[in-house]
Amino acid sequence: MPTLLIALLIGLMMYRRTKRTIGAQKLVRSRLWFRTIVFGIIGCMFLYASFLHPVNFIADFVGLACGLVLAFYAVKHTEFEKRTDGWYYRTSLWVNIAVMALFIGRIAYKLLYHGAMNAPAPAPVNPIEMYGSDPLTIGIFFVLVAYYIRFFTFLLFKHKELNRTDSSALS
């Protein structure tokens, strides 16, 4: 039963993320700041966990590099539009699909792999340590961290620029 609830929760999260990915999203500074800070804090925690498994530093930096490449492509292909209630952006559908496929694929692999093992996973003392011990998972996580932090900071600067041009156009 708990596995079913977790699967349903993950399914709901993926549905909401997919729904937001396809359409235009409103530029909201506070939401972008919050997400950037959350990804930064979680990224720092996982980077700290890499000290427990130094081999993971390679996965960390490969993930960061891949995430920055994806973010560069997303930044290059993001479109903005002015509506009556503010600015909206639409990012590259292909980049969002790639990021979501990495995330969903890794979750599916972990669930199928642990499900096929027929043995319960050992109870970790620290959840960060549990995820920090798998280089592939940590690498994919850092793809997400680098992508979202870079992309959200781009949106924050672009929002400021767009509002500045709106203000100068009204003057």
N, C-alpha and C. Protein backbone atom coordinates (compact mmCIF):
# COMPACT_ATOMS: atom_id res chain seq x y z
N MET A 1 0.81 -1.20 0.00
CA MET A 1 0.00 0.00 0.00
C MET A 1 0.85 1.28 0.00
N PRO A 2 1.92 1.38 0.83
CA PRO A 2 2.74 2.59 0.80
C PRO A 2 3.39 2.81 -0.58
N THR A 3 3.78 1.71 -1.25
CA THR A 3 4.39 1.84 -2.56
C THR A 3 3.40 2.42 -3.56
N LEU A 4 2.15 1.99 -3.47
CA LEU A 4 1.11 2.52 -4.34
C LEU A 4 0.89 4.01 -4.11
N LEU A 5 0.88 4.42 -2.85
CA LEU A 5 0.71 5.84 -2.53
C LEU A 5 1.88 6.67 -3.05
N ILE A 6 3.07 6.15 -2.91
CA ILE A 6 4.24 6.86 -3.42
C ILE A 6 4.17 6.96 -4.94
N ALA A 7 3.78 5.87 -5.59
CA ALA A 7 3.66 5.87 -7.06
C ALA A 7 2.59 6.87 -7.50
N LEU A 8 1.48 6.94 -6.80
CA LEU A 8 0.43 7.90 -7.13
C LEU A 8 0.91 9.34 -6.93
N LEU A 9 1.64 9.58 -5.86
CA LEU A 9 2.17 10.91 -5.59
C LEU A 9 3.16 11.32 -6.69
N ILE A 10 4.04 10.42 -7.06
CA ILE A 10 5.00 10.70 -8.13
C ILE A 10 4.26 10.93 -9.45
N GLY A 11 3.24 10.14 -9.71
CA GLY A 11 2.44 10.31 -10.92
C GLY A 11 1.76 11.67 -10.96
N LEU A 12 1.21 12.10 -9.83
CA LEU A 12 0.57 13.42 -9.75
C LEU A 12 1.59 14.52 -9.98
N MET A 13 2.77 14.40 -9.38
CA MET A 13 3.82 15.40 -9.58
C MET A 13 4.23 15.47 -11.05
N MET A 14 4.37 14.33 -11.69
CA MET A 14 4.76 14.30 -13.10
C MET A 14 3.67 14.90 -13.98
N TYR A 15 2.41 14.62 -13.66
CA TYR A 15 1.30 15.19 -14.41
C TYR A 15 1.31 16.72 -14.31
N ARG A 16 1.46 17.22 -13.09
CA ARG A 16 1.48 18.68 -12.90
C ARG A 16 2.67 19.32 -13.62
N ARG A 17 3.83 18.67 -13.54
CA ARG A 17 5.02 19.21 -14.20
C ARG A 17 4.86 19.20 -15.71
N THR A 18 4.28 18.13 -16.25
CA THR A 18 4.05 18.04 -17.69
C THR A 18 3.06 19.10 -18.13
N LYS A 19 2.01 19.30 -17.37
CA LYS A 19 1.01 20.31 -17.69
C LYS A 19 1.63 21.70 -17.73
N ARG A 20 2.50 21.98 -16.75
CA ARG A 20 3.17 23.29 -16.72
C ARG A 20 4.19 23.43 -17.84
N THR A 21 4.80 22.34 -18.25
CA THR A 21 5.85 22.38 -19.26
C THR A 21 5.30 22.72 -20.63
N ILE A 22 4.13 22.21 -20.95
CA ILE A 22 3.59 22.35 -22.29
C ILE A 22 3.11 23.77 -22.57
N GLY A 23 2.46 24.40 -21.64
CA GLY A 23 1.90 25.72 -21.87
C GLY A 23 2.82 26.84 -21.45
N ALA A 24 2.35 28.05 -21.69
CA ALA A 24 3.08 29.23 -21.26
C ALA A 24 2.95 29.37 -19.75
N GLN A 25 4.02 29.79 -19.11
CA GLN A 25 4.04 29.96 -17.67
C GLN A 25 4.26 31.42 -17.33
N LYS A 26 3.57 31.87 -16.32
CA LYS A 26 3.71 33.27 -15.92
C LYS A 26 5.03 33.48 -15.18
N LEU A 27 5.68 34.59 -15.49
CA LEU A 27 6.91 34.96 -14.80
C LEU A 27 6.54 35.56 -13.44
N VAL A 28 6.85 34.85 -12.39
CA VAL A 28 6.57 35.32 -11.02
C VAL A 28 7.90 35.30 -10.27
N ARG A 29 8.40 36.49 -9.96
CA ARG A 29 9.72 36.61 -9.31
C ARG A 29 9.84 35.80 -8.03
N SER A 30 8.86 35.89 -7.15
CA SER A 30 8.96 35.20 -5.86
C SER A 30 9.04 33.68 -6.05
N ARG A 31 8.28 33.15 -6.98
CA ARG A 31 8.31 31.71 -7.25
C ARG A 31 9.67 31.30 -7.81
N LEU A 32 10.22 32.12 -8.70
CA LEU A 32 11.53 31.81 -9.28
C LEU A 32 12.63 31.87 -8.23
N TRP A 33 12.57 32.88 -7.35
CA TRP A 33 13.56 32.98 -6.28
C TRP A 33 13.49 31.78 -5.36
N PHE A 34 12.26 31.41 -4.98
CA PHE A 34 12.06 30.28 -4.08
C PHE A 34 12.64 29.00 -4.69
N ARG A 35 12.32 28.74 -5.94
CA ARG A 35 12.82 27.53 -6.60
C ARG A 35 14.34 27.54 -6.72
N THR A 36 14.90 28.67 -7.04
CA THR A 36 16.35 28.78 -7.17
C THR A 36 17.02 28.49 -5.83
N ILE A 37 16.50 29.06 -4.77
CA ILE A 37 17.08 28.85 -3.44
C ILE A 37 16.93 27.39 -3.01
N VAL A 38 15.76 26.80 -3.25
CA VAL A 38 15.55 25.40 -2.86
C VAL A 38 16.51 24.48 -3.61
N PHE A 39 16.63 24.67 -4.93
CA PHE A 39 17.56 23.84 -5.70
C PHE A 39 19.00 24.07 -5.25
N GLY A 40 19.34 25.30 -4.91
CA GLY A 40 20.69 25.59 -4.42
C GLY A 40 20.99 24.90 -3.10
N ILE A 41 20.05 24.96 -2.18
CA ILE A 41 20.25 24.33 -0.87
C ILE A 41 20.36 22.81 -1.02
N ILE A 42 19.44 22.23 -1.77
CA ILE A 42 19.48 20.77 -1.95
C ILE A 42 20.75 20.36 -2.69
N GLY A 43 21.15 21.15 -3.68
CA GLY A 43 22.40 20.86 -4.39
C GLY A 43 23.60 20.90 -3.47
N CYS A 44 23.64 21.88 -2.58
CA CYS A 44 24.75 21.97 -1.60
C CYS A 44 24.74 20.78 -0.66
N MET A 45 23.55 20.34 -0.25
CA MET A 45 23.48 19.18 0.63
C MET A 45 24.01 17.92 -0.06
N PHE A 46 23.66 17.74 -1.33
CA PHE A 46 24.15 16.57 -2.04
C PHE A 46 25.65 16.69 -2.36
N LEU A 47 26.11 17.90 -2.58
CA LEU A 47 27.55 18.10 -2.79
C LEU A 47 28.30 17.76 -1.51
N TYR A 48 27.74 18.15 -0.38
CA TYR A 48 28.32 17.80 0.90
C TYR A 48 28.35 16.28 1.08
N ALA A 49 27.28 15.61 0.65
CA ALA A 49 27.21 14.15 0.76
C ALA A 49 28.30 13.48 -0.09
N SER A 50 28.76 14.17 -1.12
CA SER A 50 29.82 13.61 -1.96
C SER A 50 31.14 13.49 -1.20
N PHE A 51 31.29 14.23 -0.13
CA PHE A 51 32.49 14.09 0.69
C PHE A 51 32.54 12.70 1.33
N LEU A 52 31.34 12.11 1.52
CA LEU A 52 31.28 10.77 2.09
C LEU A 52 31.68 9.71 1.05
N HIS A 53 31.48 10.04 -0.21
CA HIS A 53 31.82 9.14 -1.33
C HIS A 53 32.54 9.98 -2.38
N PRO A 54 33.84 10.23 -2.24
CA PRO A 54 34.56 11.15 -3.12
C PRO A 54 34.50 10.80 -4.62
N VAL A 55 34.27 9.54 -4.95
CA VAL A 55 34.15 9.17 -6.37
C VAL A 55 32.97 9.89 -7.01
N ASN A 56 31.98 10.24 -6.20
CA ASN A 56 30.79 10.91 -6.73
C ASN A 56 31.07 12.32 -7.23
N PHE A 57 32.22 12.90 -6.88
CA PHE A 57 32.54 14.22 -7.40
C PHE A 57 32.57 14.22 -8.93
N ILE A 58 33.00 13.12 -9.51
CA ILE A 58 33.00 13.02 -10.97
C ILE A 58 31.57 13.09 -11.48
N ALA A 59 30.67 12.33 -10.87
CA ALA A 59 29.26 12.35 -11.28
C ALA A 59 28.66 13.73 -11.05
N ASP A 60 29.04 14.38 -9.95
CA ASP A 60 28.55 15.73 -9.66
C ASP A 60 28.91 16.69 -10.80
N PHE A 61 30.17 16.70 -11.18
CA PHE A 61 30.62 17.66 -12.18
C PHE A 61 30.16 17.31 -13.59
N VAL A 62 30.04 16.03 -13.90
CA VAL A 62 29.49 15.65 -15.21
C VAL A 62 28.02 16.07 -15.26
N GLY A 63 27.28 15.84 -14.18
CA GLY A 63 25.89 16.26 -14.11
C GLY A 63 25.74 17.77 -14.23
N LEU A 64 26.61 18.51 -13.52
CA LEU A 64 26.57 19.97 -13.61
C LEU A 64 26.84 20.44 -15.03
N ALA A 65 27.83 19.84 -15.68
CA ALA A 65 28.16 20.25 -17.06
C ALA A 65 27.00 19.95 -18.01
N CYS A 66 26.41 18.77 -17.89
CA CYS A 66 25.27 18.42 -18.76
C CYS A 66 24.08 19.34 -18.50
N GLY A 67 23.83 19.64 -17.24
CA GLY A 67 22.73 20.54 -16.89
C GLY A 67 22.94 21.94 -17.45
N LEU A 68 24.18 22.42 -17.42
CA LEU A 68 24.47 23.74 -17.97
C LEU A 68 24.31 23.77 -19.49
N VAL A 69 24.66 22.67 -20.15
CA VAL A 69 24.46 22.59 -21.61
C VAL A 69 22.96 22.63 -21.93
N LEU A 70 22.18 21.85 -21.19
CA LEU A 70 20.72 21.88 -21.39
C LEU A 70 20.16 23.28 -21.12
N ALA A 71 20.64 23.92 -20.07
CA ALA A 71 20.16 25.26 -19.72
C ALA A 71 20.53 26.26 -20.81
N PHE A 72 21.73 26.14 -21.37
CA PHE A 72 22.14 27.03 -22.46
C PHE A 72 21.18 26.91 -23.63
N TYR A 73 20.84 25.68 -23.99
CA TYR A 73 19.91 25.45 -25.10
C TYR A 73 18.52 25.99 -24.75
N ALA A 74 18.07 25.77 -23.51
CA ALA A 74 16.76 26.25 -23.09
C ALA A 74 16.70 27.77 -23.09
N VAL A 75 17.75 28.41 -22.60
CA VAL A 75 17.80 29.88 -22.58
C VAL A 75 17.73 30.43 -24.01
N LYS A 76 18.44 29.79 -24.89
CA LYS A 76 18.48 30.23 -26.29
C LYS A 76 17.12 30.11 -26.98
N HIS A 77 16.30 29.17 -26.55
CA HIS A 77 15.03 28.90 -27.23
C HIS A 77 13.79 29.27 -26.41
N THR A 78 13.97 30.07 -25.38
CA THR A 78 12.82 30.50 -24.57
C THR A 78 12.16 31.70 -25.24
N GLU A 79 10.83 31.64 -25.30
CA GLU A 79 10.06 32.73 -25.90
C GLU A 79 9.27 33.44 -24.81
N PHE A 80 9.13 34.76 -24.96
CA PHE A 80 8.40 35.57 -23.99
C PHE A 80 7.24 36.25 -24.69
N GLU A 81 6.16 36.42 -23.95
CA GLU A 81 5.02 37.15 -24.50
C GLU A 81 4.37 37.98 -23.40
N LYS A 82 3.93 39.15 -23.79
CA LYS A 82 3.27 40.07 -22.86
C LYS A 82 1.77 39.85 -22.94
N ARG A 83 1.16 39.62 -21.78
CA ARG A 83 -0.29 39.50 -21.69
C ARG A 83 -0.79 40.58 -20.76
N THR A 84 -2.08 40.71 -20.66
CA THR A 84 -2.63 41.79 -19.84
C THR A 84 -2.24 41.67 -18.37
N ASP A 85 -2.06 40.44 -17.89
CA ASP A 85 -1.74 40.27 -16.47
C ASP A 85 -0.25 40.06 -16.21
N GLY A 86 0.60 40.26 -17.20
CA GLY A 86 2.04 40.16 -16.98
C GLY A 86 2.75 39.42 -18.09
N TRP A 87 4.01 39.11 -17.83
CA TRP A 87 4.86 38.42 -18.80
C TRP A 87 4.76 36.91 -18.62
N TYR A 88 4.78 36.21 -19.73
CA TYR A 88 4.76 34.76 -19.74
C TYR A 88 5.94 34.25 -20.55
N TYR A 89 6.38 33.06 -20.24
CA TYR A 89 7.47 32.45 -21.00
C TYR A 89 7.11 31.03 -21.39
N ARG A 90 7.68 30.62 -22.48
CA ARG A 90 7.51 29.25 -22.96
C ARG A 90 8.90 28.76 -23.32
N THR A 91 9.31 27.71 -22.65
CA THR A 91 10.65 27.19 -22.87
C THR A 91 10.62 26.08 -23.92
N SER A 92 11.78 25.64 -24.31
CA SER A 92 11.90 24.59 -25.32
C SER A 92 11.26 23.30 -24.83
N LEU A 93 10.32 22.81 -25.59
CA LEU A 93 9.64 21.57 -25.24
C LEU A 93 10.62 20.40 -25.20
N TRP A 94 11.58 20.38 -26.12
CA TRP A 94 12.53 19.27 -26.21
C TRP A 94 13.46 19.21 -25.00
N VAL A 95 13.87 20.34 -24.51
CA VAL A 95 14.72 20.36 -23.31
C VAL A 95 13.92 19.87 -22.11
N ASN A 96 12.68 20.34 -21.99
CA ASN A 96 11.84 19.89 -20.87
C ASN A 96 11.58 18.39 -20.94
N ILE A 97 11.37 17.88 -22.14
CA ILE A 97 11.17 16.44 -22.30
C ILE A 97 12.43 15.69 -21.89
N ALA A 98 13.60 16.19 -22.28
CA ALA A 98 14.86 15.53 -21.92
C ALA A 98 15.06 15.52 -20.41
N VAL A 99 14.81 16.65 -19.75
CA VAL A 99 14.99 16.73 -18.30
C VAL A 99 13.99 15.81 -17.59
N MET A 100 12.75 15.83 -18.03
CA MET A 100 11.74 14.97 -17.41
C MET A 100 12.02 13.49 -17.67
N ALA A 101 12.50 13.16 -18.87
CA ALA A 101 12.82 11.77 -19.19
C ALA A 101 13.95 11.26 -18.30
N LEU A 102 14.95 12.10 -18.06
CA LEU A 102 16.03 11.71 -17.15
C LEU A 102 15.48 11.42 -15.76
N PHE A 103 14.67 12.33 -15.27
CA PHE A 103 14.13 12.20 -13.92
C PHE A 103 13.21 10.99 -13.81
N ILE A 104 12.25 10.86 -14.71
CA ILE A 104 11.31 9.74 -14.67
C ILE A 104 12.03 8.42 -14.92
N GLY A 105 12.96 8.43 -15.86
CA GLY A 105 13.72 7.21 -16.15
C GLY A 105 14.50 6.72 -14.95
N ARG A 106 15.11 7.64 -14.23
CA ARG A 106 15.89 7.23 -13.07
C ARG A 106 14.99 6.72 -11.94
N ILE A 107 13.85 7.38 -11.74
CA ILE A 107 12.90 6.90 -10.73
C ILE A 107 12.38 5.52 -11.11
N ALA A 108 12.00 5.35 -12.37
CA ALA A 108 11.50 4.05 -12.82
C ALA A 108 12.56 2.97 -12.66
N TYR A 109 13.79 3.29 -13.00
CA TYR A 109 14.87 2.31 -12.85
C TYR A 109 15.04 1.92 -11.38
N LYS A 110 15.04 2.92 -10.50
CA LYS A 110 15.21 2.61 -9.07
C LYS A 110 14.05 1.76 -8.56
N LEU A 111 12.81 2.08 -8.96
CA LEU A 111 11.66 1.31 -8.51
C LEU A 111 11.68 -0.10 -9.07
N LEU A 112 11.99 -0.23 -10.36
CA LEU A 112 12.02 -1.56 -10.98
C LEU A 112 13.18 -2.38 -10.45
N TYR A 113 14.32 -1.75 -10.28
CA TYR A 113 15.50 -2.45 -9.80
C TYR A 113 15.28 -2.98 -8.39
N HIS A 114 14.78 -2.10 -7.51
CA HIS A 114 14.53 -2.54 -6.13
C HIS A 114 13.36 -3.50 -6.06
N GLY A 115 12.38 -3.33 -6.97
CA GLY A 115 11.26 -4.26 -7.00
C GLY A 115 11.68 -5.64 -7.47
N ALA A 116 12.64 -5.71 -8.39
CA ALA A 116 13.10 -7.00 -8.92
C ALA A 116 14.03 -7.71 -7.95
N MET A 117 14.59 -6.98 -7.01
CA MET A 117 15.54 -7.58 -6.08
C MET A 117 14.86 -8.50 -5.06
N ASN A 118 13.56 -8.35 -4.85
CA ASN A 118 12.78 -9.15 -3.89
C ASN A 118 13.32 -9.07 -2.47
N ALA A 119 14.18 -8.14 -2.22
CA ALA A 119 14.69 -7.97 -0.86
C ALA A 119 14.53 -6.50 -0.51
N PRO A 120 14.10 -6.21 0.69
CA PRO A 120 13.96 -4.80 1.05
C PRO A 120 15.31 -4.11 1.07
N ALA A 121 15.29 -2.88 0.63
CA ALA A 121 16.52 -2.09 0.64
C ALA A 121 16.90 -1.84 2.10
N PRO A 122 18.20 -1.83 2.40
CA PRO A 122 18.61 -1.58 3.78
C PRO A 122 18.19 -0.18 4.21
N ALA A 123 17.76 -0.07 5.43
CA ALA A 123 17.31 1.22 5.95
C ALA A 123 18.53 2.13 6.16
N PRO A 124 18.61 3.23 5.41
CA PRO A 124 19.75 4.13 5.57
C PRO A 124 19.62 4.96 6.84
N VAL A 125 20.75 5.31 7.35
CA VAL A 125 20.77 6.17 8.53
C VAL A 125 20.40 7.59 8.12
N ASN A 126 20.85 8.00 6.96
CA ASN A 126 20.65 9.34 6.47
C ASN A 126 20.18 9.26 5.01
N PRO A 127 19.01 9.84 4.66
CA PRO A 127 18.52 9.73 3.28
C PRO A 127 19.48 10.34 2.27
N ILE A 128 20.16 11.43 2.62
CA ILE A 128 21.11 12.03 1.69
C ILE A 128 22.25 11.07 1.43
N GLU A 129 22.68 10.37 2.46
CA GLU A 129 23.75 9.39 2.30
C GLU A 129 23.31 8.26 1.38
N MET A 130 22.02 7.86 1.47
CA MET A 130 21.51 6.79 0.62
C MET A 130 21.59 7.19 -0.85
N TYR A 131 21.11 8.39 -1.18
CA TYR A 131 21.14 8.82 -2.56
C TYR A 131 22.54 9.24 -2.99
N GLY A 132 23.32 9.70 -2.06
CA GLY A 132 24.67 10.12 -2.36
C GLY A 132 25.61 8.98 -2.66
N SER A 133 25.20 7.74 -2.38
CA SER A 133 26.07 6.61 -2.63
C SER A 133 25.92 6.05 -4.04
N ASP A 134 24.97 6.54 -4.82
CA ASP A 134 24.75 6.07 -6.18
C ASP A 134 25.19 7.14 -7.17
N PRO A 135 26.31 6.96 -7.87
CA PRO A 135 26.82 8.00 -8.76
C PRO A 135 25.87 8.38 -9.89
N LEU A 136 25.14 7.42 -10.45
CA LEU A 136 24.23 7.74 -11.54
C LEU A 136 23.08 8.62 -11.06
N THR A 137 22.51 8.28 -9.94
CA THR A 137 21.41 9.09 -9.39
C THR A 137 21.90 10.49 -9.04
N ILE A 138 23.05 10.58 -8.41
CA ILE A 138 23.57 11.90 -8.03
C ILE A 138 23.94 12.72 -9.27
N GLY A 139 24.46 12.06 -10.29
CA GLY A 139 24.79 12.76 -11.54
C GLY A 139 23.54 13.32 -12.20
N ILE A 140 22.49 12.52 -12.27
CA ILE A 140 21.24 12.98 -12.87
C ILE A 140 20.63 14.09 -12.02
N PHE A 141 20.75 13.97 -10.71
CA PHE A 141 20.24 15.03 -9.85
C PHE A 141 20.97 16.34 -10.12
N PHE A 142 22.28 16.28 -10.31
CA PHE A 142 23.02 17.51 -10.58
C PHE A 142 22.74 18.08 -11.97
N VAL A 143 22.31 17.24 -12.91
CA VAL A 143 21.81 17.76 -14.19
C VAL A 143 20.61 18.66 -13.91
N LEU A 144 19.69 18.17 -13.07
CA LEU A 144 18.50 18.95 -12.73
C LEU A 144 18.85 20.21 -11.96
N VAL A 145 19.76 20.09 -11.00
CA VAL A 145 20.15 21.25 -10.20
C VAL A 145 20.76 22.33 -11.08
N ALA A 146 21.73 21.97 -11.90
CA ALA A 146 22.39 22.95 -12.76
C ALA A 146 21.41 23.55 -13.76
N TYR A 147 20.59 22.72 -14.35
CA TYR A 147 19.62 23.21 -15.34
C TYR A 147 18.67 24.21 -14.71
N TYR A 148 18.03 23.82 -13.63
CA TYR A 148 17.01 24.69 -13.05
C TYR A 148 17.59 25.95 -12.43
N ILE A 149 18.73 25.87 -11.76
CA ILE A 149 19.31 27.08 -11.19
C ILE A 149 19.71 28.05 -12.29
N ARG A 150 20.36 27.55 -13.33
CA ARG A 150 20.77 28.44 -14.43
C ARG A 150 19.55 29.01 -15.14
N PHE A 151 18.57 28.17 -15.42
CA PHE A 151 17.39 28.63 -16.16
C PHE A 151 16.58 29.62 -15.33
N PHE A 152 16.39 29.35 -14.04
CA PHE A 152 15.62 30.27 -13.20
C PHE A 152 16.34 31.60 -13.02
N THR A 153 17.66 31.59 -12.89
CA THR A 153 18.38 32.87 -12.78
C THR A 153 18.27 33.66 -14.08
N PHE A 154 18.29 32.97 -15.21
CA PHE A 154 18.07 33.64 -16.50
C PHE A 154 16.70 34.30 -16.50
N LEU A 155 15.67 33.57 -16.07
CA LEU A 155 14.32 34.12 -16.05
C LEU A 155 14.21 35.31 -15.11
N LEU A 156 14.91 35.26 -13.97
CA LEU A 156 14.89 36.39 -13.05
C LEU A 156 15.49 37.65 -13.69
N PHE A 157 16.64 37.49 -14.35
CA PHE A 157 17.25 38.64 -15.02
C PHE A 157 16.41 39.12 -16.19
N LYS A 158 15.82 38.21 -16.92
CA LYS A 158 14.99 38.58 -18.07
C LYS A 158 13.73 39.29 -17.59
N HIS A 159 13.16 38.84 -16.48
CA HIS A 159 11.98 39.49 -15.92
C HIS A 159 12.28 40.94 -15.56
N LYS A 160 13.42 41.14 -14.95
CA LYS A 160 13.84 42.50 -14.59
C LYS A 160 14.01 43.36 -15.85
N GLU A 161 14.64 42.78 -16.86
CA GLU A 161 14.85 43.50 -18.12
C GLU A 161 13.53 43.81 -18.82
N LEU A 162 12.62 42.86 -18.84
CA LEU A 162 11.33 43.07 -19.50
C LEU A 162 10.52 44.14 -18.77
N ASN A 163 10.56 44.13 -17.45
CA ASN A 163 9.84 45.16 -16.69
C ASN A 163 10.46 46.54 -16.90
N ARG A 164 11.77 46.59 -17.04
CA ARG A 164 12.46 47.86 -17.28
C ARG A 164 12.06 48.42 -18.65
N THR A 165 11.99 47.55 -19.67
CA THR A 165 11.58 48.03 -21.00
C THR A 165 10.12 48.45 -21.01
N ASP A 166 9.28 47.78 -20.20
CA ASP A 166 7.88 48.19 -20.08
C ASP A 166 7.79 49.57 -19.45
N SER A 167 8.59 49.81 -18.41
CA SER A 167 8.56 51.10 -17.72
C SER A 167 9.04 52.22 -18.63
N SER A 168 10.08 51.96 -19.41
CA SER A 168 10.58 53.00 -20.31
C SER A 168 9.63 53.24 -21.48
N ALA A 169 8.87 52.24 -21.88
CA ALA A 169 7.91 52.39 -22.97
C ALA A 169 6.71 53.23 -22.51
N LEU A 170 6.37 53.13 -21.22
CA LEU A 170 5.26 53.90 -20.69
C LEU A 170 5.62 55.36 -20.47
N SER A 171 6.89 55.66 -20.27
CA SER A 171 7.32 57.03 -19.98
C SER A 171 7.26 57.92 -21.19
